[in-house]
Amino acid sequence: MVTYDEITEEILKVKPKYIRENYIAIAETTGLTPFEIQDQRTMAIISNVRFGVTDRDEVALTFDAMGSESSGSCPYLNAEQAIGFIKDYGVRDVHELSGKPVWMLSHGNLFIWVEPCVMKVK
């Protein structure tokens, strides 16, 4: 019989590093396990994509993510996360991300970016 911890470990093992780190940060913030995060995520649509030096004096990717329940968020991805995010979607220009789906977690009054909503074919 597979245990709950083994399922959680398997979920994290197959994720790229920047997504694993994001799952861990969300787990620390919400108290949810990676399995619960994956189970409770919802789809949102990306709009207003911005990539460049931010007011934090760092290179970052930010965008608006609008969920179906009148909820929205403006995720902030640092340079390393942004590179992985852009590669996962396979776009040449960050503005091509507009209109793409993204997985978000609605938890209490938080609407948190989880991971790209893409299907990888190998």
PDB file of N, CA and C in Angstrom:
ATOM      1  N   MET A   1       0.847  -1.187   0.000  1.00  0.00           N
ATOM      2  CA  MET A   1       0.000   0.000   0.000  1.00  0.00           C
ATOM      3  C   MET A   1       0.888   1.244   0.000  1.00  0.00           C
ATOM      4  N   VAL A   2       0.583   2.179  -0.857  1.00  0.00           N
ATOM      5  CA  VAL A   2       1.344   3.427  -0.957  1.00  0.00           C
ATOM      6  C   VAL A   2       0.876   4.380   0.130  1.00  0.00           C
ATOM      7  N   THR A   3       1.841   5.014   0.812  1.00  0.00           N
ATOM      8  CA  THR A   3       1.482   5.933   1.891  1.00  0.00           C
ATOM      9  C   THR A   3       1.309   7.352   1.349  1.00  0.00           C
ATOM     10  N   TYR A   4       0.674   8.170   2.147  1.00  0.00           N
ATOM     11  CA  TYR A   4       0.439   9.581   1.827  1.00  0.00           C
ATOM     12  C   TYR A   4       1.765  10.308   1.598  1.00  0.00           C
ATOM     13  N   ASP A   5       2.760  10.062   2.453  1.00  0.00           N
ATOM     14  CA  ASP A   5       4.080  10.693   2.309  1.00  0.00           C
ATOM     15  C   ASP A   5       4.769  10.272   1.017  1.00  0.00           C
ATOM     16  N   GLU A   6       4.592   9.015   0.619  1.00  0.00           N
ATOM     17  CA  GLU A   6       5.196   8.537  -0.629  1.00  0.00           C
ATOM     18  C   GLU A   6       4.573   9.225  -1.839  1.00  0.00           C
ATOM     19  N   ILE A   7       3.255   9.450  -1.787  1.00  0.00           N
ATOM     20  CA  ILE A   7       2.578  10.158  -2.873  1.00  0.00           C
ATOM     21  C   ILE A   7       3.094  11.593  -2.949  1.00  0.00           C
ATOM     22  N   THR A   8       3.207  12.250  -1.813  1.00  0.00           N
ATOM     23  CA  THR A   8       3.709  13.627  -1.765  1.00  0.00           C
ATOM     24  C   THR A   8       5.130  13.695  -2.312  1.00  0.00           C
ATOM     25  N   GLU A   9       5.974  12.743  -1.922  1.00  0.00           N
ATOM     26  CA  GLU A   9       7.354  12.700  -2.411  1.00  0.00           C
ATOM     27  C   GLU A   9       7.395  12.492  -3.920  1.00  0.00           C
ATOM     28  N   GLU A  10       6.522  11.637  -4.442  1.00  0.00           N
ATOM     29  CA  GLU A  10       6.470  11.387  -5.884  1.00  0.00           C
ATOM     30  C   GLU A  10       6.042  12.635  -6.648  1.00  0.00           C
ATOM     31  N   ILE A  11       5.084  13.382  -6.094  1.00  0.00           N
ATOM     32  CA  ILE A  11       4.634  14.616  -6.735  1.00  0.00           C
ATOM     33  C   ILE A  11       5.803  15.577  -6.875  1.00  0.00           C
ATOM     34  N   LEU A  12       6.551  15.758  -5.794  1.00  0.00           N
ATOM     35  CA  LEU A  12       7.668  16.709  -5.817  1.00  0.00           C
ATOM     36  C   LEU A  12       8.815  16.228  -6.697  1.00  0.00           C
ATOM     37  N   LYS A  13       9.034  14.922  -6.753  1.00  0.00           N
ATOM     38  CA  LYS A  13      10.166  14.375  -7.498  1.00  0.00           C
ATOM     39  C   LYS A  13      10.072  14.673  -8.993  1.00  0.00           C
ATOM     40  N   VAL A  14       8.866  14.692  -9.538  1.00  0.00           N
ATOM     41  CA  VAL A  14       8.707  14.880 -10.970  1.00  0.00           C
ATOM     42  C   VAL A  14       8.624  16.347 -11.390  1.00  0.00           C
ATOM     43  N   LYS A  15       8.590  17.253 -10.432  1.00  0.00           N
ATOM     44  CA  LYS A  15       8.482  18.676 -10.738  1.00  0.00           C
ATOM     45  C   LYS A  15       9.862  19.285 -10.947  1.00  0.00           C
ATOM     46  N   PRO A  16       9.971  20.290 -11.845  1.00  0.00           N
ATOM     47  CA  PRO A  16      11.242  21.013 -11.968  1.00  0.00           C
ATOM     48  C   PRO A  16      11.580  21.719 -10.656  1.00  0.00           C
ATOM     49  N   LYS A  17      12.843  22.060 -10.478  1.00  0.00           N
ATOM     50  CA  LYS A  17      13.325  22.641  -9.220  1.00  0.00           C
ATOM     51  C   LYS A  17      12.545  23.882  -8.809  1.00  0.00           C
ATOM     52  N   TYR A  18      12.295  24.800  -9.757  1.00  0.00           N
ATOM     53  CA  TYR A  18      11.621  26.043  -9.379  1.00  0.00           C
ATOM     54  C   TYR A  18      10.185  25.791  -8.918  1.00  0.00           C
ATOM     55  N   ILE A  19       9.550  24.749  -9.439  1.00  0.00           N
ATOM     56  CA  ILE A  19       8.193  24.419  -8.999  1.00  0.00           C
ATOM     57  C   ILE A  19       8.226  23.695  -7.655  1.00  0.00           C
ATOM     58  N   ARG A  20       9.195  22.805  -7.454  1.00  0.00           N
ATOM     59  CA  ARG A  20       9.343  22.139  -6.145  1.00  0.00           C
ATOM     60  C   ARG A  20       9.506  23.186  -5.053  1.00  0.00           C
ATOM     61  N   GLU A  21      10.367  24.167  -5.303  1.00  0.00           N
ATOM     62  CA  GLU A  21      10.596  25.227  -4.313  1.00  0.00           C
ATOM     63  C   GLU A  21       9.311  26.012  -4.051  1.00  0.00           C
ATOM     64  N   ASN A  22       8.532  26.238  -5.104  1.00  0.00           N
ATOM     65  CA  ASN A  22       7.273  26.957  -4.941  1.00  0.00           C
ATOM     66  C   ASN A  22       6.283  26.151  -4.107  1.00  0.00           C
ATOM     67  N   TYR A  23       6.187  24.843  -4.362  1.00  0.00           N
ATOM     68  CA  TYR A  23       5.306  23.979  -3.568  1.00  0.00           C
ATOM     69  C   TYR A  23       5.712  24.012  -2.095  1.00  0.00           C
ATOM     70  N   ILE A  24       7.000  23.967  -1.822  1.00  0.00           N
ATOM     71  CA  ILE A  24       7.478  23.980  -0.430  1.00  0.00           C
ATOM     72  C   ILE A  24       7.133  25.307   0.233  1.00  0.00           C
ATOM     73  N   ALA A  25       7.327  26.423  -0.488  1.00  0.00           N
ATOM     74  CA  ALA A  25       6.994  27.747   0.062  1.00  0.00           C
ATOM     75  C   ALA A  25       5.493  27.853   0.343  1.00  0.00           C
ATOM     76  N   ILE A  26       4.668  27.344  -0.564  1.00  0.00           N
ATOM     77  CA  ILE A  26       3.218  27.372  -0.353  1.00  0.00           C
ATOM     78  C   ILE A  26       2.846  26.507   0.844  1.00  0.00           C
ATOM     79  N   ALA A  27       3.457  25.334   0.959  1.00  0.00           N
ATOM     80  CA  ALA A  27       3.179  24.441   2.091  1.00  0.00           C
ATOM     81  C   ALA A  27       3.518  25.124   3.410  1.00  0.00           C
ATOM     82  N   GLU A  28       4.642  25.827   3.445  1.00  0.00           N
ATOM     83  CA  GLU A  28       5.036  26.527   4.671  1.00  0.00           C
ATOM     84  C   GLU A  28       4.065  27.662   5.001  1.00  0.00           C
ATOM     85  N   THR A  29       3.526  28.328   3.978  1.00  0.00           N
ATOM     86  CA  THR A  29       2.599  29.442   4.181  1.00  0.00           C
ATOM     87  C   THR A  29       1.211  28.976   4.591  1.00  0.00           C
ATOM     88  N   THR A  30       0.734  27.911   3.947  1.00  0.00           N
ATOM     89  CA  THR A  30      -0.656  27.483   4.138  1.00  0.00           C
ATOM     90  C   THR A  30      -0.836  26.317   5.092  1.00  0.00           C
ATOM     91  N   GLY A  31       0.226  25.538   5.307  1.00  0.00           N
ATOM     92  CA  GLY A  31       0.101  24.333   6.116  1.00  0.00           C
ATOM     93  C   GLY A  31      -0.421  23.138   5.327  1.00  0.00           C
ATOM     94  N   LEU A  32      -0.618  23.315   4.012  1.00  0.00           N
ATOM     95  CA  LEU A  32      -1.074  22.216   3.165  1.00  0.00           C
ATOM     96  C   LEU A  32       0.111  21.374   2.719  1.00  0.00           C
ATOM     97  N   THR A  33      -0.136  20.109   2.452  1.00  0.00           N
ATOM     98  CA  THR A  33       0.904  19.247   1.889  1.00  0.00           C
ATOM     99  C   THR A  33       0.946  19.464   0.375  1.00  0.00           C
ATOM    100  N   PRO A  34       2.049  19.106  -0.279  1.00  0.00           N
ATOM    101  CA  PRO A  34       2.083  19.211  -1.745  1.00  0.00           C
ATOM    102  C   PRO A  34       0.935  18.461  -2.429  1.00  0.00           C
ATOM    103  N   PHE A  35       0.543  17.325  -1.871  1.00  0.00           N
ATOM    104  CA  PHE A  35      -0.578  16.573  -2.437  1.00  0.00           C
ATOM    105  C   PHE A  35      -1.864  17.396  -2.346  1.00  0.00           C
ATOM    106  N   GLU A  36      -2.104  18.034  -1.201  1.00  0.00           N
ATOM    107  CA  GLU A  36      -3.309  18.860  -1.033  1.00  0.00           C
ATOM    108  C   GLU A  36      -3.269  20.083  -1.938  1.00  0.00           C
ATOM    109  N   ILE A  37      -2.073  20.665  -2.102  1.00  0.00           N
ATOM    110  CA  ILE A  37      -1.930  21.813  -3.003  1.00  0.00           C
ATOM    111  C   ILE A  37      -2.329  21.411  -4.411  1.00  0.00           C
ATOM    112  N   GLN A  38      -1.798  20.288  -4.886  1.00  0.00           N
ATOM    113  CA  GLN A  38      -2.096  19.828  -6.244  1.00  0.00           C
ATOM    114  C   GLN A  38      -3.579  19.509  -6.379  1.00  0.00           C
ATOM    115  N   ASP A  39      -4.171  18.951  -5.346  1.00  0.00           N
ATOM    116  CA  ASP A  39      -5.574  18.555  -5.387  1.00  0.00           C
ATOM    117  C   ASP A  39      -6.510  19.768  -5.370  1.00  0.00           C
ATOM    118  N   GLN A  40      -6.118  20.862  -4.719  1.00  0.00           N
ATOM    119  CA  GLN A  40      -6.997  22.015  -4.525  1.00  0.00           C
ATOM    120  C   GLN A  40      -6.736  23.174  -5.489  1.00  0.00           C
ATOM    121  N   ARG A  41      -5.787  23.032  -6.392  1.00  0.00           N
ATOM    122  CA  ARG A  41      -5.468  24.136  -7.289  1.00  0.00           C
ATOM    123  C   ARG A  41      -6.595  24.358  -8.296  1.00  0.00           C
ATOM    124  N   THR A  42      -6.671  25.587  -8.795  1.00  0.00           N
ATOM    125  CA  THR A  42      -7.669  25.947  -9.795  1.00  0.00           C
ATOM    126  C   THR A  42      -6.970  26.645 -10.953  1.00  0.00           C
ATOM    127  N   MET A  43      -7.635  26.696 -12.082  1.00  0.00           N
ATOM    128  CA  MET A  43      -7.040  27.309 -13.261  1.00  0.00           C
ATOM    129  C   MET A  43      -7.380  28.795 -13.305  1.00  0.00           C
ATOM    130  N   ALA A  44      -6.408  29.585 -13.741  1.00  0.00           N
ATOM    131  CA  ALA A  44      -6.611  31.022 -13.952  1.00  0.00           C
ATOM    132  C   ALA A  44      -6.008  31.374 -15.309  1.00  0.00           C
ATOM    133  N   ILE A  45      -6.304  32.570 -15.786  1.00  0.00           N
ATOM    134  CA  ILE A  45      -5.807  33.028 -17.076  1.00  0.00           C
ATOM    135  C   ILE A  45      -4.803  34.156 -16.863  1.00  0.00           C
ATOM    136  N   ILE A  46      -3.681  34.069 -17.575  1.00  0.00           N
ATOM    137  CA  ILE A  46      -2.605  35.062 -17.478  1.00  0.00           C
ATOM    138  C   ILE A  46      -2.936  36.272 -18.346  1.00  0.00           C
ATOM    139  N   SER A  47      -2.672  37.462 -17.801  1.00  0.00           N
ATOM    140  CA  SER A  47      -2.799  38.692 -18.585  1.00  0.00           C
ATOM    141  C   SER A  47      -1.796  39.720 -18.053  1.00  0.00           C
ATOM    142  N   ASN A  48      -1.613  40.798 -18.796  1.00  0.00           N
ATOM    143  CA  ASN A  48      -0.737  41.909 -18.390  1.00  0.00           C
ATOM    144  C   ASN A  48       0.652  41.426 -17.951  1.00  0.00           C
ATOM    145  N   VAL A  49       1.311  40.708 -18.820  1.00  0.00           N
ATOM    146  CA  VAL A  49       2.622  40.140 -18.520  1.00  0.00           C
ATOM    147  C   VAL A  49       3.686  41.236 -18.549  1.00  0.00           C
ATOM    148  N   ARG A  50       4.553  41.232 -17.525  1.00  0.00           N
ATOM    149  CA  ARG A  50       5.649  42.194 -17.433  1.00  0.00           C
ATOM    150  C   ARG A  50       6.930  41.435 -17.079  1.00  0.00           C
ATOM    151  N   PHE A  51       8.016  41.759 -17.774  1.00  0.00           N
ATOM    152  CA  PHE A  51       9.301  41.116 -17.510  1.00  0.00           C
ATOM    153  C   PHE A  51      10.378  42.189 -17.549  1.00  0.00           C
ATOM    154  N   GLY A  52      11.163  42.272 -16.488  1.00  0.00           N
ATOM    155  CA  GLY A  52      12.234  43.265 -16.448  1.00  0.00           C
ATOM    156  C   GLY A  52      12.648  43.556 -15.023  1.00  0.00           C
ATOM    157  N   VAL A  53      13.350  44.667 -14.839  1.00  0.00           N
ATOM    158  CA  VAL A  53      13.805  45.071 -13.514  1.00  0.00           C
ATOM    159  C   VAL A  53      12.624  45.703 -12.783  1.00  0.00           C
ATOM    160  N   THR A  54      12.356  45.215 -11.591  1.00  0.00           N
ATOM    161  CA  THR A  54      11.211  45.676 -10.815  1.00  0.00           C
ATOM    162  C   THR A  54      11.624  46.747  -9.811  1.00  0.00           C
ATOM    163  N   ASP A  55      10.654  47.221  -9.047  1.00  0.00           N
ATOM    164  CA  ASP A  55      10.943  48.199  -8.000  1.00  0.00           C
ATOM    165  C   ASP A  55      11.789  47.602  -6.877  1.00  0.00           C
ATOM    166  N   ARG A  56      11.930  46.281  -6.866  1.00  0.00           N
ATOM    167  CA  ARG A  56      12.804  45.606  -5.891  1.00  0.00           C
ATOM    168  C   ARG A  56      14.245  45.545  -6.394  1.00  0.00           C
ATOM    169  N   ASP A  57      14.478  46.143  -7.579  1.00  0.00           N
ATOM    170  CA  ASP A  57      15.791  46.175  -8.219  1.00  0.00           C
ATOM    171  C   ASP A  57      16.272  44.765  -8.589  1.00  0.00           C
ATOM    172  N   GLU A  58      15.318  43.908  -8.975  1.00  0.00           N
ATOM    173  CA  GLU A  58      15.606  42.543  -9.400  1.00  0.00           C
ATOM    174  C   GLU A  58      14.918  42.287 -10.736  1.00  0.00           C
ATOM    175  N   VAL A  59      15.483  41.388 -11.512  1.00  0.00           N
ATOM    176  CA  VAL A  59      14.819  40.954 -12.738  1.00  0.00           C
ATOM    177  C   VAL A  59      13.730  39.968 -12.339  1.00  0.00           C
ATOM    178  N   ALA A  60      12.523  40.196 -12.837  1.00  0.00           N
ATOM    179  CA  ALA A  60      11.403  39.337 -12.465  1.00  0.00           C
ATOM    180  C   ALA A  60      10.342  39.331 -13.552  1.00  0.00           C
ATOM    181  N   LEU A  61       9.504  38.303 -13.482  1.00  0.00           N
ATOM    182  CA  LEU A  61       8.331  38.191 -14.335  1.00  0.00           C
ATOM    183  C   LEU A  61       7.119  38.360 -13.433  1.00  0.00           C
ATOM    184  N   THR A  62       6.246  39.265 -13.799  1.00  0.00           N
ATOM    185  CA  THR A  62       4.989  39.433 -13.066  1.00  0.00           C
ATOM    186  C   THR A  62       3.856  39.412 -14.079  1.00  0.00           C
ATOM    187  N   PHE A  63       2.692  39.032 -13.605  1.00  0.00           N
ATOM    188  CA  PHE A  63       1.510  38.998 -14.475  1.00  0.00           C
ATOM    189  C   PHE A  63       0.277  38.994 -13.600  1.00  0.00           C
ATOM    190  N   ASP A  64      -0.849  39.306 -14.203  1.00  0.00           N
ATOM    191  CA  ASP A  64      -2.121  39.192 -13.514  1.00  0.00           C
ATOM    192  C   ASP A  64      -2.673  37.804 -13.805  1.00  0.00           C
ATOM    193  N   ALA A  65      -3.237  37.185 -12.802  1.00  0.00           N
ATOM    194  CA  ALA A  65      -3.869  35.872 -12.961  1.00  0.00           C
ATOM    195  C   ALA A  65      -5.293  35.994 -12.436  1.00  0.00           C
ATOM    196  N   MET A  66      -6.239  35.836 -13.326  1.00  0.00           N
ATOM    197  CA  MET A  66      -7.641  35.990 -12.955  1.00  0.00           C
ATOM    198  C   MET A  66      -8.325  34.632 -12.897  1.00  0.00           C
ATOM    199  N   GLY A  67      -8.856  34.323 -11.729  1.00  0.00           N
ATOM    200  CA  GLY A  67      -9.553  33.057 -11.545  1.00  0.00           C
ATOM    201  C   GLY A  67     -11.018  33.172 -11.915  1.00  0.00           C
ATOM    202  N   SER A  68     -11.724  32.075 -11.829  1.00  0.00           N
ATOM    203  CA  SER A  68     -13.124  32.047 -12.235  1.00  0.00           C
ATOM    204  C   SER A  68     -14.076  32.545 -11.155  1.00  0.00           C
ATOM    205  N   GLU A  69     -13.575  32.741  -9.962  1.00  0.00           N
ATOM    206  CA  GLU A  69     -14.443  33.118  -8.849  1.00  0.00           C
ATOM    207  C   GLU A  69     -14.195  34.559  -8.430  1.00  0.00           C
ATOM    208  N   SER A  70     -14.008  35.453  -9.390  1.00  0.00           N
ATOM    209  CA  SER A  70     -13.748  36.872  -9.131  1.00  0.00           C
ATOM    210  C   SER A  70     -12.532  37.059  -8.230  1.00  0.00           C
ATOM    211  N   SER A  71     -11.577  36.173  -8.339  1.00  0.00           N
ATOM    212  CA  SER A  71     -10.354  36.297  -7.567  1.00  0.00           C
ATOM    213  C   SER A  71      -9.202  36.525  -8.527  1.00  0.00           C
ATOM    214  N   GLY A  72      -8.233  37.288  -8.074  1.00  0.00           N
ATOM    215  CA  GLY A  72      -7.084  37.578  -8.916  1.00  0.00           C
ATOM    216  C   GLY A  72      -5.832  37.724  -8.084  1.00  0.00           C
ATOM    217  N   SER A  73      -4.712  37.702  -8.763  1.00  0.00           N
ATOM    218  CA  SER A  73      -3.426  37.779  -8.094  1.00  0.00           C
ATOM    219  C   SER A  73      -2.423  38.369  -9.066  1.00  0.00           C
ATOM    220  N   CYS A  74      -1.331  38.873  -8.532  1.00  0.00           N
ATOM    221  CA  CYS A  74      -0.234  39.373  -9.359  1.00  0.00           C
ATOM    222  C   CYS A  74       1.035  38.639  -8.916  1.00  0.00           C
ATOM    223  N   PRO A  75       1.229  37.411  -9.418  1.00  0.00           N
ATOM    224  CA  PRO A  75       2.401  36.627  -9.017  1.00  0.00           C
ATOM    225  C   PRO A  75       3.716  37.316  -9.390  1.00  0.00           C
ATOM    226  N   TYR A  76       4.717  37.090  -8.568  1.00  0.00           N
ATOM    227  CA  TYR A  76       6.063  37.625  -8.760  1.00  0.00           C
ATOM    228  C   TYR A  76       7.013  36.442  -8.859  1.00  0.00           C
ATOM    229  N   LEU A  77       7.648  36.259 -10.014  1.00  0.00           N
ATOM    230  CA  LEU A  77       8.597  35.169 -10.213  1.00  0.00           C
ATOM    231  C   LEU A  77       9.981  35.765 -10.390  1.00  0.00           C
ATOM    232  N   ASN A  78      10.935  35.333  -9.561  1.00  0.00           N
ATOM    233  CA  ASN A  78      12.299  35.840  -9.697  1.00  0.00           C
ATOM    234  C   ASN A  78      12.894  35.344 -11.013  1.00  0.00           C
ATOM    235  N   ALA A  79      14.108  35.773 -11.338  1.00  0.00           N
ATOM    236  CA  ALA A  79      14.721  35.459 -12.635  1.00  0.00           C
ATOM    237  C   ALA A  79      14.792  33.950 -12.885  1.00  0.00           C
ATOM    238  N   GLU A  80      15.217  33.177 -11.889  1.00  0.00           N
ATOM    239  CA  GLU A  80      15.330  31.723 -12.063  1.00  0.00           C
ATOM    240  C   GLU A  80      13.967  31.094 -12.321  1.00  0.00           C
ATOM    241  N   GLN A  81      12.965  31.494 -11.535  1.00  0.00           N
ATOM    242  CA  GLN A  81      11.617  30.971 -11.726  1.00  0.00           C
ATOM    243  C   GLN A  81      11.070  31.396 -13.093  1.00  0.00           C
ATOM    244  N   ALA A  82      11.324  32.643 -13.464  1.00  0.00           N
ATOM    245  CA  ALA A  82      10.824  33.176 -14.730  1.00  0.00           C
ATOM    246  C   ALA A  82      11.367  32.390 -15.916  1.00  0.00           C
ATOM    247  N   ILE A  83      12.644  32.066 -15.879  1.00  0.00           N
ATOM    248  CA  ILE A  83      13.257  31.306 -16.975  1.00  0.00           C
ATOM    249  C   ILE A  83      12.581  29.944 -17.109  1.00  0.00           C
ATOM    250  N   GLY A  84      12.389  29.239 -15.997  1.00  0.00           N
ATOM    251  CA  GLY A  84      11.707  27.946 -16.028  1.00  0.00           C
ATOM    252  C   GLY A  84      10.276  28.072 -16.523  1.00  0.00           C
ATOM    253  N   PHE A  85       9.581  29.101 -16.062  1.00  0.00           N
ATOM    254  CA  PHE A  85       8.187  29.351 -16.436  1.00  0.00           C
ATOM    255  C   PHE A  85       8.070  29.587 -17.941  1.00  0.00           C
ATOM    256  N   ILE A  86       8.927  30.452 -18.473  1.00  0.00           N
ATOM    257  CA  ILE A  86       8.917  30.777 -19.907  1.00  0.00           C
ATOM    258  C   ILE A  86       9.254  29.536 -20.739  1.00  0.00           C
ATOM    259  N   LYS A  87      10.258  28.771 -20.298  1.00  0.00           N
ATOM    260  CA  LYS A  87      10.615  27.537 -21.017  1.00  0.00           C
ATOM    261  C   LYS A  87       9.472  26.535 -21.016  1.00  0.00           C
ATOM    262  N   ASP A  88       8.791  26.399 -19.873  1.00  0.00           N
ATOM    263  CA  ASP A  88       7.686  25.430 -19.786  1.00  0.00           C
ATOM    264  C   ASP A  88       6.581  25.742 -20.784  1.00  0.00           C
ATOM    265  N   TYR A  89       6.314  27.021 -21.016  1.00  0.00           N
ATOM    266  CA  TYR A  89       5.284  27.397 -21.979  1.00  0.00           C
ATOM    267  C   TYR A  89       5.807  27.394 -23.407  1.00  0.00           C
ATOM    268  N   GLY A  90       7.122  27.414 -23.578  1.00  0.00           N
ATOM    269  CA  GLY A  90       7.704  27.358 -24.918  1.00  0.00           C
ATOM    270  C   GLY A  90       7.425  28.583 -25.769  1.00  0.00           C
ATOM    271  N   VAL A  91       7.370  29.754 -25.143  1.00  0.00           N
ATOM    272  CA  VAL A  91       7.119  30.984 -25.900  1.00  0.00           C
ATOM    273  C   VAL A  91       8.433  31.712 -26.180  1.00  0.00           C
ATOM    274  N   ARG A  92       8.466  32.474 -27.253  1.00  0.00           N
ATOM    275  CA  ARG A  92       9.660  33.251 -27.608  1.00  0.00           C
ATOM    276  C   ARG A  92       9.601  34.653 -27.018  1.00  0.00           C
ATOM    277  N   ASP A  93       8.408  35.160 -26.811  1.00  0.00           N
ATOM    278  CA  ASP A  93       8.198  36.506 -26.276  1.00  0.00           C
ATOM    279  C   ASP A  93       7.282  36.358 -25.059  1.00  0.00           C
ATOM    280  N   VAL A  94       7.627  36.988 -23.956  1.00  0.00           N
ATOM    281  CA  VAL A  94       6.830  36.828 -22.734  1.00  0.00           C
ATOM    282  C   VAL A  94       5.394  37.295 -22.919  1.00  0.00           C
ATOM    283  N   HIS A  95       5.159  38.205 -23.836  1.00  0.00           N
ATOM    284  CA  HIS A  95       3.791  38.676 -24.052  1.00  0.00           C
ATOM    285  C   HIS A  95       2.898  37.588 -24.645  1.00  0.00           C
ATOM    286  N   GLU A  96       3.519  36.535 -25.197  1.00  0.00           N
ATOM    287  CA  GLU A  96       2.747  35.397 -25.699  1.00  0.00           C
ATOM    288  C   GLU A  96       2.121  34.595 -24.546  1.00  0.00           C
ATOM    289  N   LEU A  97       2.530  34.873 -23.313  1.00  0.00           N
ATOM    290  CA  LEU A  97       1.940  34.195 -22.159  1.00  0.00           C
ATOM    291  C   LEU A  97       0.511  34.669 -21.901  1.00  0.00           C
ATOM    292  N   SER A  98       0.178  35.878 -22.352  1.00  0.00           N
ATOM    293  CA  SER A  98      -1.177  36.404 -22.150  1.00  0.00           C
ATOM    294  C   SER A  98      -2.200  35.457 -22.761  1.00  0.00           C
ATOM    295  N   GLY A  99      -3.221  35.152 -21.978  1.00  0.00           N
ATOM    296  CA  GLY A  99      -4.270  34.247 -22.420  1.00  0.00           C
ATOM    297  C   GLY A  99      -4.007  32.786 -22.107  1.00  0.00           C
ATOM    298  N   LYS A 100      -2.802  32.467 -21.644  1.00  0.00           N
ATOM    299  CA  LYS A 100      -2.464  31.081 -21.292  1.00  0.00           C
ATOM    300  C   LYS A 100      -3.014  30.757 -19.900  1.00  0.00           C
ATOM    301  N   PRO A 101      -3.324  29.489 -19.651  1.00  0.00           N
ATOM    302  CA  PRO A 101      -3.783  29.096 -18.314  1.00  0.00           C
ATOM    303  C   PRO A 101      -2.606  28.892 -17.360  1.00  0.00           C
ATOM    304  N   VAL A 102      -2.870  29.055 -16.085  1.00  0.00           N
ATOM    305  CA  VAL A 102      -1.873  28.841 -15.033  1.00  0.00           C
ATOM    306  C   VAL A 102      -2.600  28.236 -13.835  1.00  0.00           C
ATOM    307  N   TRP A 103      -1.918  27.347 -13.101  1.00  0.00           N
ATOM    308  CA  TRP A 103      -2.512  26.760 -11.895  1.00  0.00           C
ATOM    309  C   TRP A 103      -2.299  27.694 -10.715  1.00  0.00           C
ATOM    310  N   MET A 104      -3.385  27.969 -10.003  1.00  0.00           N
ATOM    311  CA  MET A 104      -3.355  28.819  -8.815  1.00  0.00           C
ATOM    312  C   MET A 104      -4.017  28.059  -7.669  1.00  0.00           C
ATOM    313  N   LEU A 105      -3.717  28.488  -6.453  1.00  0.00           N
ATOM    314  CA  LEU A 105      -4.325  27.895  -5.265  1.00  0.00           C
ATOM    315  C   LEU A 105      -5.123  28.976  -4.560  1.00  0.00           C
ATOM    316  N   SER A 106      -6.393  28.736  -4.376  1.00  0.00           N
ATOM    317  CA  SER A 106      -7.237  29.638  -3.611  1.00  0.00           C
ATOM    318  C   SER A 106      -7.344  29.059  -2.208  1.00  0.00           C
ATOM    319  N   HIS A 107      -6.747  29.750  -1.243  1.00  0.00           N
ATOM    320  CA  HIS A 107      -6.709  29.238   0.133  1.00  0.00           C
ATOM    321  C   HIS A 107      -7.020  30.393   1.079  1.00  0.00           C
ATOM    322  N   GLY A 108      -8.197  30.352   1.677  1.00  0.00           N
ATOM    323  CA  GLY A 108      -8.615  31.463   2.525  1.00  0.00           C
ATOM    324  C   GLY A 108      -8.722  32.717   1.674  1.00  0.00           C
ATOM    325  N   ASN A 109      -8.028  33.778   2.095  1.00  0.00           N
ATOM    326  CA  ASN A 109      -8.041  35.008   1.305  1.00  0.00           C
ATOM    327  C   ASN A 109      -6.808  35.111   0.407  1.00  0.00           C
ATOM    328  N   LEU A 110      -6.075  34.016   0.243  1.00  0.00           N
ATOM    329  CA  LEU A 110      -4.896  33.993  -0.617  1.00  0.00           C
ATOM    330  C   LEU A 110      -5.241  33.373  -1.970  1.00  0.00           C
ATOM    331  N   PHE A 111      -4.640  33.906  -3.020  1.00  0.00           N
ATOM    332  CA  PHE A 111      -4.746  33.331  -4.361  1.00  0.00           C
ATOM    333  C   PHE A 111      -3.310  33.244  -4.847  1.00  0.00           C
ATOM    334  N   ILE A 112      -2.711  32.059  -4.776  1.00  0.00           N
ATOM    335  CA  ILE A 112      -1.272  31.875  -4.917  1.00  0.00           C
ATOM    336  C   ILE A 112      -0.942  31.122  -6.199  1.00  0.00           C
ATOM    337  N   TRP A 113       0.084  31.612  -6.928  1.00  0.00           N
ATOM    338  CA  TRP A 113       0.570  30.914  -8.114  1.00  0.00           C
ATOM    339  C   TRP A 113       1.186  29.582  -7.690  1.00  0.00           C
ATOM    340  N   VAL A 114       0.820  28.498  -8.394  1.00  0.00           N
ATOM    341  CA  VAL A 114       1.351  27.167  -8.084  1.00  0.00           C
ATOM    342  C   VAL A 114       2.333  26.711  -9.146  1.00  0.00           C
ATOM    343  N   GLU A 115       1.883  26.640 -10.404  1.00  0.00           N
ATOM    344  CA  GLU A 115       2.742  26.151 -11.478  1.00  0.00           C
ATOM    345  C   GLU A 115       2.102  26.409 -12.834  1.00  0.00           C
ATOM    346  N   PRO A 116       2.885  26.317 -13.914  1.00  0.00           N
ATOM    347  CA  PRO A 116       2.312  26.458 -15.246  1.00  0.00           C
ATOM    348  C   PRO A 116       1.292  25.366 -15.518  1.00  0.00           C
ATOM    349  N   CYS A 117       0.323  25.686 -16.337  1.00  0.00           N
ATOM    350  CA  CYS A 117      -0.690  24.706 -16.739  1.00  0.00           C
ATOM    351  C   CYS A 117      -0.368  24.296 -18.166  1.00  0.00           C
ATOM    352  N   VAL A 118       0.564  23.361 -18.280  1.00  0.00           N
ATOM    353  CA  VAL A 118       0.991  22.901 -19.598  1.00  0.00           C
ATOM    354  C   VAL A 118       1.042  21.379 -19.600  1.00  0.00           C
ATOM    355  N   MET A 119       0.901  20.816 -20.786  1.00  0.00           N
ATOM    356  CA  MET A 119       1.028  19.371 -20.944  1.00  0.00           C
ATOM    357  C   MET A 119       2.342  19.112 -21.660  1.00  0.00           C
ATOM    358  N   LYS A 120       3.199  18.341 -21.041  1.00  0.00           N
ATOM    359  CA  LYS A 120       4.497  18.021 -21.640  1.00  0.00           C
ATOM    360  C   LYS A 120       4.385  16.689 -22.372  1.00  0.00           C
ATOM    361  N   VAL A 121       4.789  16.690 -23.611  1.00  0.00           N
ATOM    362  CA  VAL A 121       4.796  15.469 -24.407  1.00  0.00           C
ATOM    363  C   VAL A 121       6.241  15.080 -24.641  1.00  0.00           C
ATOM    364  N   LYS A 122       6.575  13.852 -24.296  1.00  0.00           N
ATOM    365  CA  LYS A 122       7.957  13.393 -24.466  1.00  0.00           C
ATOM    366  C   LYS A 122       8.045  12.353 -25.531  1.00  0.00           C
TER     367      LYS A 122
END
